[in-house]
């Protein structure tokens, strides 16, 4: 996403009144969260740090988001929406003889520049969704329903052999693949050192390579099942 710079000194400590000012504050919060997430893990980031990076009082952040996880849920949905905006026209522009391999290659090519969003996707179910308010959880799922149905139609247009509703299922399964493969392809701590040994090469995972192969096989299987 586009990074939002810190607000000018003093500006962030005043309450926003107009819709434009409120949106500016919200974008400042998300931009600050995105900057911090590039530097460290979700567990190591606090609301206070997000507020300071955004040039806002800590209490100002809570006017927009009830928890830290709600900040990062919004950041995740923003990144996912930007990917949908890119991948849907690209899918619709594919030729009629497009194969599951072609679609998988396109998907991975468009996902690769979006590593912060992929990191958030990988932790969304276990670390982010657990601390959402009921209102935020409902809003996120309404957003998902609206956007994934439209994106699913683009997948079905690219691969007419997919069953009806298969585009939505393919996107959900893609999310499961990312969630599983991301930590395998990005080990941390002692495991990273262990897997760096030459003899451990068979256990190392090339995230993007495995994602492309796995998603292509998944799509091919769904097309055959029809």
Protein backbone atom coordinates (compact mmCIF):
# COMPACT_ATOMS: atom_id res chain seq x y z
CA UNK A 1 0.00 0.00 0.00
CA UNK A 2 1.00 3.64 -0.27
CA UNK A 3 2.86 4.74 2.82
CA UNK A 4 1.40 7.78 4.59
CA UNK A 5 3.96 10.13 6.08
CA UNK A 6 3.71 11.48 9.63
CA UNK A 7 1.30 14.37 10.01
CA UNK A 8 2.78 17.79 10.54
CA UNK A 9 3.71 18.62 14.12
CA UNK A 10 0.66 19.50 16.15
CA UNK A 11 -1.84 18.59 13.45
CA UNK A 12 -2.27 15.02 14.63
CA UNK A 13 -3.25 16.03 18.17
CA UNK A 14 -6.37 17.88 17.04
CA UNK A 15 -9.61 15.97 16.65
CA UNK A 16 -10.72 15.47 13.06
CA UNK A 17 -14.20 16.77 12.29
CA UNK A 18 -14.78 16.57 8.54
CA UNK A 19 -15.01 13.31 6.60
CA UNK A 20 -11.86 14.31 4.74
CA UNK A 21 -9.94 14.89 7.97
CA UNK A 22 -11.12 11.58 9.40
CA UNK A 23 -10.02 9.74 6.29
CA UNK A 24 -6.65 11.48 6.48
CA UNK A 25 -6.23 10.30 10.08
CA UNK A 26 -7.23 6.76 9.16
CA UNK A 27 -4.77 6.69 6.26
CA UNK A 28 -2.04 8.05 8.54
CA UNK A 29 -2.67 5.21 10.99
CA UNK A 30 -2.61 2.55 8.29
CA UNK A 31 0.49 4.06 6.69
CA UNK A 32 2.29 4.06 10.03
CA UNK A 33 1.25 0.46 10.69
CA UNK A 34 2.50 -0.57 7.25
CA UNK A 35 5.87 1.11 7.86
CA UNK A 36 6.29 -0.63 11.21
CA UNK A 37 5.22 -4.01 9.79
CA UNK A 38 8.01 -3.81 7.23
CA UNK A 39 10.46 -3.54 10.12
CA UNK A 40 9.19 -6.13 12.60
CA UNK A 41 6.51 -8.69 13.45
CA UNK A 42 2.97 -7.98 14.57
CA UNK A 43 3.75 -9.12 18.13
CA UNK A 44 6.51 -6.53 18.39
CA UNK A 45 4.32 -3.58 17.39
CA UNK A 46 2.17 -1.61 19.83
CA UNK A 47 -0.67 0.83 19.29
CA UNK A 48 1.48 3.48 20.94
CA UNK A 49 4.19 3.01 18.33
CA UNK A 50 1.63 3.21 15.52
CA UNK A 51 0.28 6.44 16.98
CA UNK A 52 3.73 7.94 17.38
CA UNK A 53 4.76 7.01 13.84
CA UNK A 54 1.53 8.54 12.52
CA UNK A 55 2.01 11.74 14.51
CA UNK A 56 -1.16 11.15 16.53
CA UNK A 57 -2.04 10.76 20.19
CA UNK A 58 -2.54 7.14 21.22
CA UNK A 59 -6.15 7.87 22.11
CA UNK A 60 -6.74 9.14 18.58
CA UNK A 61 -6.02 5.70 17.15
CA UNK A 62 -8.75 4.20 19.32
CA UNK A 63 -11.30 6.51 17.74
CA UNK A 64 -10.81 4.53 14.53
CA UNK A 65 -9.76 1.05 15.67
CA UNK A 66 -10.64 -0.76 18.91
CA UNK A 67 -7.54 -2.98 18.91
CA UNK A 68 -4.15 -3.29 17.26
CA UNK A 69 -5.47 -6.29 15.36
CA UNK A 70 -8.24 -4.19 13.85
CA UNK A 71 -5.60 -1.82 12.47
CA UNK A 72 -3.81 -4.70 10.78
CA UNK A 73 -7.04 -6.32 9.61
CA UNK A 74 -7.86 -3.06 7.82
CA UNK A 75 -4.33 -2.96 6.41
CA UNK A 76 -4.70 -6.55 5.17
CA UNK A 77 -8.03 -5.85 3.47
CA UNK A 78 -6.60 -2.74 1.87
CA UNK A 79 -3.72 -4.77 0.43
CA UNK A 80 -6.00 -7.59 -0.68
CA UNK A 81 -8.31 -5.12 -2.40
CA UNK A 82 -5.38 -3.61 -4.28
CA UNK A 83 -4.39 -7.09 -5.46
CA UNK A 84 -7.94 -7.82 -6.61
CA UNK A 85 -7.92 -4.55 -8.56
CA UNK A 86 -4.78 -5.70 -10.38
CA UNK A 87 -5.45 -9.39 -10.90
CA UNK A 88 -9.09 -9.25 -12.04
CA UNK A 89 -8.50 -7.24 -15.25
CA UNK A 90 -5.43 -9.37 -15.96
CA UNK A 91 -7.50 -12.56 -15.64
CA UNK A 92 -10.21 -11.18 -17.90
CA UNK A 93 -7.56 -10.32 -20.49
CA UNK A 94 -6.19 -13.86 -20.77
CA UNK A 95 -6.81 -15.76 -24.04
CA UNK A 96 -9.55 -18.37 -24.35
CA UNK A 97 -7.10 -21.28 -24.30
CA UNK A 98 -5.67 -20.30 -20.92
CA UNK A 99 -4.52 -23.23 -18.78
CA UNK A 100 -4.48 -23.64 -14.99
CA UNK A 101 -0.69 -23.26 -15.21
CA UNK A 102 -1.13 -19.87 -16.93
CA UNK A 103 -3.55 -18.65 -14.27
CA UNK A 104 -1.33 -19.83 -11.43
CA UNK A 105 1.67 -18.08 -12.99
CA UNK A 106 -0.31 -14.84 -13.29
CA UNK A 107 -1.51 -15.08 -9.70
CA UNK A 108 1.99 -15.60 -8.31
CA UNK A 109 3.46 -12.88 -10.52
CA UNK A 110 0.95 -10.34 -9.20
CA UNK A 111 1.29 -11.50 -5.59
CA UNK A 112 5.09 -11.40 -5.49
CA UNK A 113 5.41 -7.59 -5.07
CA UNK A 114 2.89 -7.68 -2.18
CA UNK A 115 4.87 -9.40 0.55
CA UNK A 116 3.43 -7.37 3.46
CA UNK A 117 -0.07 -8.44 2.42
CA UNK A 118 1.07 -12.07 2.13
CA UNK A 119 2.59 -11.90 5.62
CA UNK A 120 -0.69 -10.55 6.97
CA UNK A 121 -2.66 -13.26 5.16
CA UNK A 122 -0.42 -15.91 6.71
CA UNK A 123 -1.22 -14.70 10.23
CA UNK A 124 -4.76 -13.45 9.71
CA UNK A 125 -6.70 -16.44 11.02
CA UNK A 126 -4.49 -17.23 14.01
CA UNK A 127 -3.15 -13.85 15.15
CA UNK A 128 -5.42 -11.10 13.83
CA UNK A 129 -9.00 -12.37 13.75
CA UNK A 130 -8.86 -13.60 17.36
CA UNK A 131 -8.90 -10.03 18.70
CA UNK A 132 -11.49 -8.34 16.51
CA UNK A 133 -14.67 -6.89 17.91
CA UNK A 134 -17.92 -8.43 16.71
CA UNK A 135 -18.57 -5.31 14.64
CA UNK A 136 -15.12 -5.45 13.02
CA UNK A 137 -15.45 -9.19 12.35
CA UNK A 138 -18.80 -8.68 10.64
CA UNK A 139 -17.49 -5.77 8.59
CA UNK A 140 -14.46 -7.75 7.42
CA UNK A 141 -16.57 -10.71 6.36
CA UNK A 142 -19.05 -8.48 4.53
CA UNK A 143 -16.07 -6.97 2.69
CA UNK A 144 -14.74 -10.43 1.89
CA UNK A 145 -18.09 -11.64 0.60
CA UNK A 146 -18.55 -8.65 -1.67
CA UNK A 147 -15.04 -8.68 -3.13
CA UNK A 148 -14.32 -12.40 -3.36
CA UNK A 149 -17.54 -13.12 -5.25
CA UNK A 150 -16.55 -10.56 -7.89
CA UNK A 151 -12.96 -11.80 -8.03
CA UNK A 152 -14.20 -15.38 -8.21
CA UNK A 153 -16.16 -14.54 -11.35
CA UNK A 154 -12.92 -13.31 -12.95
CA UNK A 155 -11.27 -16.65 -12.18
CA UNK A 156 -14.22 -18.51 -13.72
CA UNK A 157 -14.03 -16.30 -16.81
CA UNK A 158 -10.36 -17.18 -17.22
CA UNK A 159 -11.00 -20.90 -16.66
CA UNK A 160 -14.50 -21.76 -17.94
CA UNK A 161 -13.92 -25.40 -16.92
CA UNK A 162 -14.18 -24.38 -13.27
CA UNK A 163 -17.52 -25.37 -11.73
CA UNK A 164 -20.02 -22.69 -10.86
CA UNK A 165 -18.81 -21.00 -7.70
CA UNK A 166 -15.39 -22.52 -8.24
CA UNK A 167 -13.72 -19.14 -8.48
CA UNK A 168 -14.61 -18.29 -4.89
CA UNK A 169 -13.46 -21.71 -3.69
CA UNK A 170 -10.20 -21.30 -5.62
CA UNK A 171 -9.49 -17.96 -3.91
CA UNK A 172 -10.22 -19.38 -0.47
CA UNK A 173 -7.96 -22.35 -1.17
CA UNK A 174 -5.26 -20.01 -2.46
CA UNK A 175 -5.42 -18.28 0.90
CA UNK A 176 -4.96 -21.61 2.65
CA UNK A 177 -1.93 -22.36 0.48
CA UNK A 178 -0.35 -19.00 1.29
CA UNK A 179 -1.04 -19.45 5.00
CA UNK A 180 0.63 -22.86 5.03
CA UNK A 181 3.54 -22.23 2.69
CA UNK A 182 4.59 -18.78 3.93
CA UNK A 183 6.03 -19.92 7.29
CA UNK A 184 7.59 -22.97 5.62
CA UNK A 185 9.31 -20.74 3.06
CA UNK A 186 10.34 -18.13 5.63
CA UNK A 187 11.66 -19.98 8.70
CA UNK A 188 12.77 -17.89 11.66
CA UNK A 189 15.01 -18.24 14.69
CA UNK A 190 16.87 -21.50 15.22
CA UNK A 191 14.94 -23.24 12.45
CA UNK A 192 16.31 -20.78 9.88
CA UNK A 193 19.86 -21.64 10.94
CA UNK A 194 19.18 -25.38 10.91
CA UNK A 195 17.64 -25.33 7.43
CA UNK A 196 20.54 -23.27 6.06
CA UNK A 197 22.82 -26.32 6.34
CA UNK A 198 23.56 -27.86 2.90
CA UNK A 199 22.28 -31.31 3.91
CA UNK A 200 18.90 -29.78 4.79
CA UNK A 201 18.29 -28.55 1.23
CA UNK A 202 15.53 -31.15 0.58
CA UNK A 203 13.49 -29.62 3.42
CA UNK A 204 13.77 -26.01 2.31
CA UNK A 205 10.71 -24.52 0.63
CA UNK A 206 10.77 -22.06 -2.26
CA UNK A 207 7.61 -20.18 -1.36
CA UNK A 208 6.73 -18.73 -4.75
CA UNK A 209 7.72 -21.84 -6.68
CA UNK A 210 5.70 -24.14 -4.43
CA UNK A 211 2.75 -21.74 -4.43
CA UNK A 212 2.62 -21.67 -8.21
CA UNK A 213 2.91 -25.44 -8.62
CA UNK A 214 0.39 -26.13 -5.85
CA UNK A 215 -2.18 -23.61 -7.08
CA UNK A 216 -1.88 -24.86 -10.67
CA UNK A 217 -2.50 -28.43 -9.49
CA UNK A 218 -5.45 -27.28 -7.39
CA UNK A 219 -7.02 -25.44 -10.33
CA UNK A 220 -6.44 -28.37 -12.67
CA UNK A 221 -8.10 -30.73 -10.20
CA UNK A 222 -11.10 -28.43 -9.83
CA UNK A 223 -11.46 -28.19 -13.62
CA UNK A 224 -11.32 -31.99 -14.01
CA UNK A 225 -13.80 -32.53 -11.19
CA UNK A 226 -16.45 -30.64 -13.11
